[in-house]
Amino acid sequence: MMDRIMAGLAYAILVGFLVTLVIYVPRWDLGGVILLTLLLAGYDTLQVMRRHRDPSHETVTEHDPRDDA
């Protein structure tokens, strides 16, 4: 759950920074690059949020040291 919150917060901060940049530097080429950046970062953020919803996703595995022998 905390991973999803942190991913959403990080994306919101990135959006805020890049939108502020576009407002103060209004160039169409910069706007295109920022749009592409936000689309790729948004896709990655959604993938992170979906991956952690999957019950088969397990971050800590039970490991028995006797299995190494």
N, C-alpha and C. Protein backbone atom coordinates (compact mmCIF):
# COMPACT_ATOMS: atom_id res chain seq x y z
N MET A 1 0.82 -1.19 0.00
CA MET A 1 0.00 0.00 0.00
C MET A 1 0.87 1.26 0.00
N MET A 2 1.93 1.24 0.79
CA MET A 2 2.80 2.41 0.88
C MET A 2 3.51 2.66 -0.45
N ASP A 3 3.82 1.60 -1.20
CA ASP A 3 4.46 1.77 -2.51
C ASP A 3 3.54 2.52 -3.47
N ARG A 4 2.26 2.23 -3.42
CA ARG A 4 1.30 2.90 -4.30
C ARG A 4 1.15 4.36 -3.93
N ILE A 5 1.12 4.64 -2.64
CA ILE A 5 1.01 6.04 -2.18
C ILE A 5 2.24 6.83 -2.60
N MET A 6 3.41 6.25 -2.40
CA MET A 6 4.66 6.95 -2.75
C MET A 6 4.76 7.16 -4.26
N ALA A 7 4.33 6.17 -5.05
CA ALA A 7 4.37 6.32 -6.51
C ALA A 7 3.43 7.44 -6.96
N GLY A 8 2.24 7.50 -6.39
CA GLY A 8 1.30 8.57 -6.73
C GLY A 8 1.81 9.94 -6.31
N LEU A 9 2.39 10.01 -5.12
CA LEU A 9 2.94 11.28 -4.64
C LEU A 9 4.10 11.75 -5.51
N ALA A 10 4.98 10.83 -5.87
CA ALA A 10 6.11 11.19 -6.72
C ALA A 10 5.64 11.67 -8.09
N TYR A 11 4.63 11.02 -8.64
CA TYR A 11 4.11 11.45 -9.94
C TYR A 11 3.45 12.83 -9.83
N ALA A 12 2.73 13.06 -8.76
CA ALA A 12 2.08 14.37 -8.57
C ALA A 12 3.11 15.49 -8.45
N ILE A 13 4.21 15.22 -7.75
CA ILE A 13 5.27 16.22 -7.62
C ILE A 13 5.93 16.48 -8.98
N LEU A 14 6.15 15.42 -9.76
CA LEU A 14 6.73 15.57 -11.09
C LEU A 14 5.80 16.40 -11.99
N VAL A 15 4.52 16.10 -11.95
CA VAL A 15 3.55 16.86 -12.74
C VAL A 15 3.56 18.33 -12.33
N GLY A 16 3.56 18.60 -11.04
CA GLY A 16 3.59 19.97 -10.56
C GLY A 16 4.81 20.73 -11.04
N PHE A 17 5.97 20.10 -10.96
CA PHE A 17 7.20 20.75 -11.41
C PHE A 17 7.18 21.01 -12.91
N LEU A 18 6.78 20.02 -13.69
CA LEU A 18 6.82 20.18 -15.15
C LEU A 18 5.76 21.14 -15.66
N VAL A 19 4.59 21.18 -15.04
CA VAL A 19 3.55 22.13 -15.44
C VAL A 19 4.01 23.55 -15.13
N THR A 20 4.65 23.74 -13.98
CA THR A 20 5.20 25.05 -13.64
C THR A 20 6.25 25.46 -14.67
N LEU A 21 7.07 24.53 -15.10
CA LEU A 21 8.08 24.83 -16.10
C LEU A 21 7.45 25.28 -17.41
N VAL A 22 6.40 24.59 -17.85
CA VAL A 22 5.73 24.95 -19.09
C VAL A 22 5.05 26.31 -18.98
N ILE A 23 4.53 26.63 -17.81
CA ILE A 23 3.86 27.93 -17.62
C ILE A 23 4.88 29.07 -17.76
N TYR A 24 6.04 28.91 -17.17
CA TYR A 24 7.04 29.98 -17.20
C TYR A 24 7.90 29.99 -18.46
N VAL A 25 7.98 28.87 -19.16
CA VAL A 25 8.73 28.80 -20.42
C VAL A 25 7.79 28.23 -21.48
N PRO A 26 6.90 29.06 -22.02
CA PRO A 26 5.88 28.55 -22.96
C PRO A 26 6.43 28.35 -24.36
N ARG A 27 7.04 27.21 -24.59
CA ARG A 27 7.52 26.84 -25.93
C ARG A 27 6.87 25.53 -26.32
N TRP A 28 6.49 25.43 -27.58
CA TRP A 28 5.79 24.23 -28.01
C TRP A 28 6.66 22.99 -27.99
N ASP A 29 7.97 23.14 -28.30
CA ASP A 29 8.84 21.96 -28.30
C ASP A 29 9.09 21.46 -26.88
N LEU A 30 9.24 22.38 -25.94
CA LEU A 30 9.38 21.99 -24.54
C LEU A 30 8.09 21.33 -24.04
N GLY A 31 6.95 21.86 -24.46
CA GLY A 31 5.66 21.28 -24.08
C GLY A 31 5.51 19.86 -24.59
N GLY A 32 5.99 19.61 -25.81
CA GLY A 32 5.93 18.25 -26.36
C GLY A 32 6.79 17.27 -25.60
N VAL A 33 7.99 17.70 -25.25
CA VAL A 33 8.88 16.82 -24.49
C VAL A 33 8.30 16.54 -23.10
N ILE A 34 7.73 17.56 -22.49
CA ILE A 34 7.14 17.38 -21.17
C ILE A 34 5.90 16.49 -21.25
N LEU A 35 5.10 16.64 -22.28
CA LEU A 35 3.95 15.76 -22.46
C LEU A 35 4.39 14.31 -22.61
N LEU A 36 5.39 14.07 -23.43
CA LEU A 36 5.91 12.71 -23.59
C LEU A 36 6.45 12.17 -22.27
N THR A 37 7.16 13.00 -21.52
CA THR A 37 7.69 12.60 -20.22
C THR A 37 6.57 12.22 -19.26
N LEU A 38 5.52 13.03 -19.22
CA LEU A 38 4.41 12.74 -18.31
C LEU A 38 3.65 11.48 -18.72
N LEU A 39 3.53 11.26 -20.02
CA LEU A 39 2.86 10.03 -20.47
C LEU A 39 3.66 8.79 -20.09
N LEU A 40 4.97 8.83 -20.31
CA LEU A 40 5.80 7.67 -19.96
C LEU A 40 5.86 7.44 -18.45
N ALA A 41 5.99 8.53 -17.69
CA ALA A 41 6.03 8.40 -16.23
C ALA A 41 4.68 7.94 -15.69
N GLY A 42 3.59 8.41 -16.29
CA GLY A 42 2.26 7.97 -15.88
C GLY A 42 2.04 6.49 -16.16
N TYR A 43 2.49 6.03 -17.31
CA TYR A 43 2.39 4.61 -17.64
C TYR A 43 3.18 3.77 -16.64
N ASP A 44 4.38 4.21 -16.32
CA ASP A 44 5.21 3.48 -15.36
C ASP A 44 4.57 3.48 -13.97
N THR A 45 4.00 4.61 -13.58
CA THR A 45 3.34 4.69 -12.27
C THR A 45 2.14 3.74 -12.21
N LEU A 46 1.36 3.69 -13.27
CA LEU A 46 0.23 2.76 -13.30
C LEU A 46 0.69 1.31 -13.25
N GLN A 47 1.79 1.00 -13.92
CA GLN A 47 2.32 -0.36 -13.88
C GLN A 47 2.75 -0.74 -12.46
N VAL A 48 3.37 0.19 -11.76
CA VAL A 48 3.79 -0.07 -10.38
C VAL A 48 2.56 -0.31 -9.51
N MET A 49 1.53 0.50 -9.69
CA MET A 49 0.33 0.35 -8.87
C MET A 49 -0.42 -0.95 -9.17
N ARG A 50 -0.45 -1.35 -10.41
CA ARG A 50 -1.12 -2.62 -10.77
C ARG A 50 -0.32 -3.83 -10.31
N ARG A 51 0.98 -3.76 -10.41
CA ARG A 51 1.83 -4.89 -10.04
C ARG A 51 1.69 -5.20 -8.56
N HIS A 52 1.56 -4.20 -7.72
CA HIS A 52 1.47 -4.44 -6.29
C HIS A 52 0.07 -4.86 -5.86
N ARG A 53 -0.90 -4.76 -6.76
CA ARG A 53 -2.24 -5.24 -6.45
C ARG A 53 -2.34 -6.75 -6.67
N ASP A 54 -1.45 -7.30 -7.46
CA ASP A 54 -1.45 -8.71 -7.78
C ASP A 54 -1.08 -9.53 -6.55
N PRO A 55 -1.91 -10.51 -6.14
CA PRO A 55 -1.59 -11.28 -4.94
C PRO A 55 -0.35 -12.15 -5.08
N SER A 56 0.06 -12.45 -6.31
CA SER A 56 1.25 -13.27 -6.48
C SER A 56 2.53 -12.46 -6.29
N HIS A 57 2.40 -11.12 -6.24
CA HIS A 57 3.56 -10.27 -6.02
C HIS A 57 3.94 -10.34 -4.56
N GLU A 58 5.11 -10.85 -4.30
CA GLU A 58 5.56 -11.02 -2.93
C GLU A 58 6.95 -10.44 -2.81
N THR A 59 7.12 -9.48 -1.90
CA THR A 59 8.42 -8.83 -1.77
C THR A 59 9.34 -9.59 -0.82
N VAL A 60 8.78 -10.30 0.13
CA VAL A 60 9.58 -11.05 1.08
C VAL A 60 9.24 -12.52 0.91
N THR A 61 10.24 -13.33 0.65
CA THR A 61 10.00 -14.75 0.49
C THR A 61 10.52 -15.50 1.72
N GLU A 62 9.85 -16.56 2.01
CA GLU A 62 10.31 -17.41 3.10
C GLU A 62 11.46 -18.25 2.57
N HIS A 63 12.60 -18.18 3.23
CA HIS A 63 13.77 -18.92 2.78
C HIS A 63 14.30 -19.74 3.94
N ASP A 64 14.45 -21.00 3.68
CA ASP A 64 14.99 -21.91 4.69
C ASP A 64 16.45 -22.16 4.33
N PRO A 65 17.38 -21.77 5.19
CA PRO A 65 18.81 -21.97 4.89
C PRO A 65 19.16 -23.44 4.68
N ARG A 66 18.36 -24.34 5.19
CA ARG A 66 18.67 -25.78 5.02
C ARG A 66 18.46 -26.22 3.57
N ASP A 67 17.70 -25.44 2.80
CA ASP A 67 17.48 -25.79 1.40
C ASP A 67 18.73 -25.55 0.55
N ASP A 68 19.69 -24.77 1.03
CA ASP A 68 20.90 -24.47 0.28
C ASP A 68 21.87 -25.64 0.25
N ALA A 69 21.74 -26.54 1.17
CA ALA A 69 22.72 -27.63 1.31
C ALA A 69 22.60 -28.69 0.25
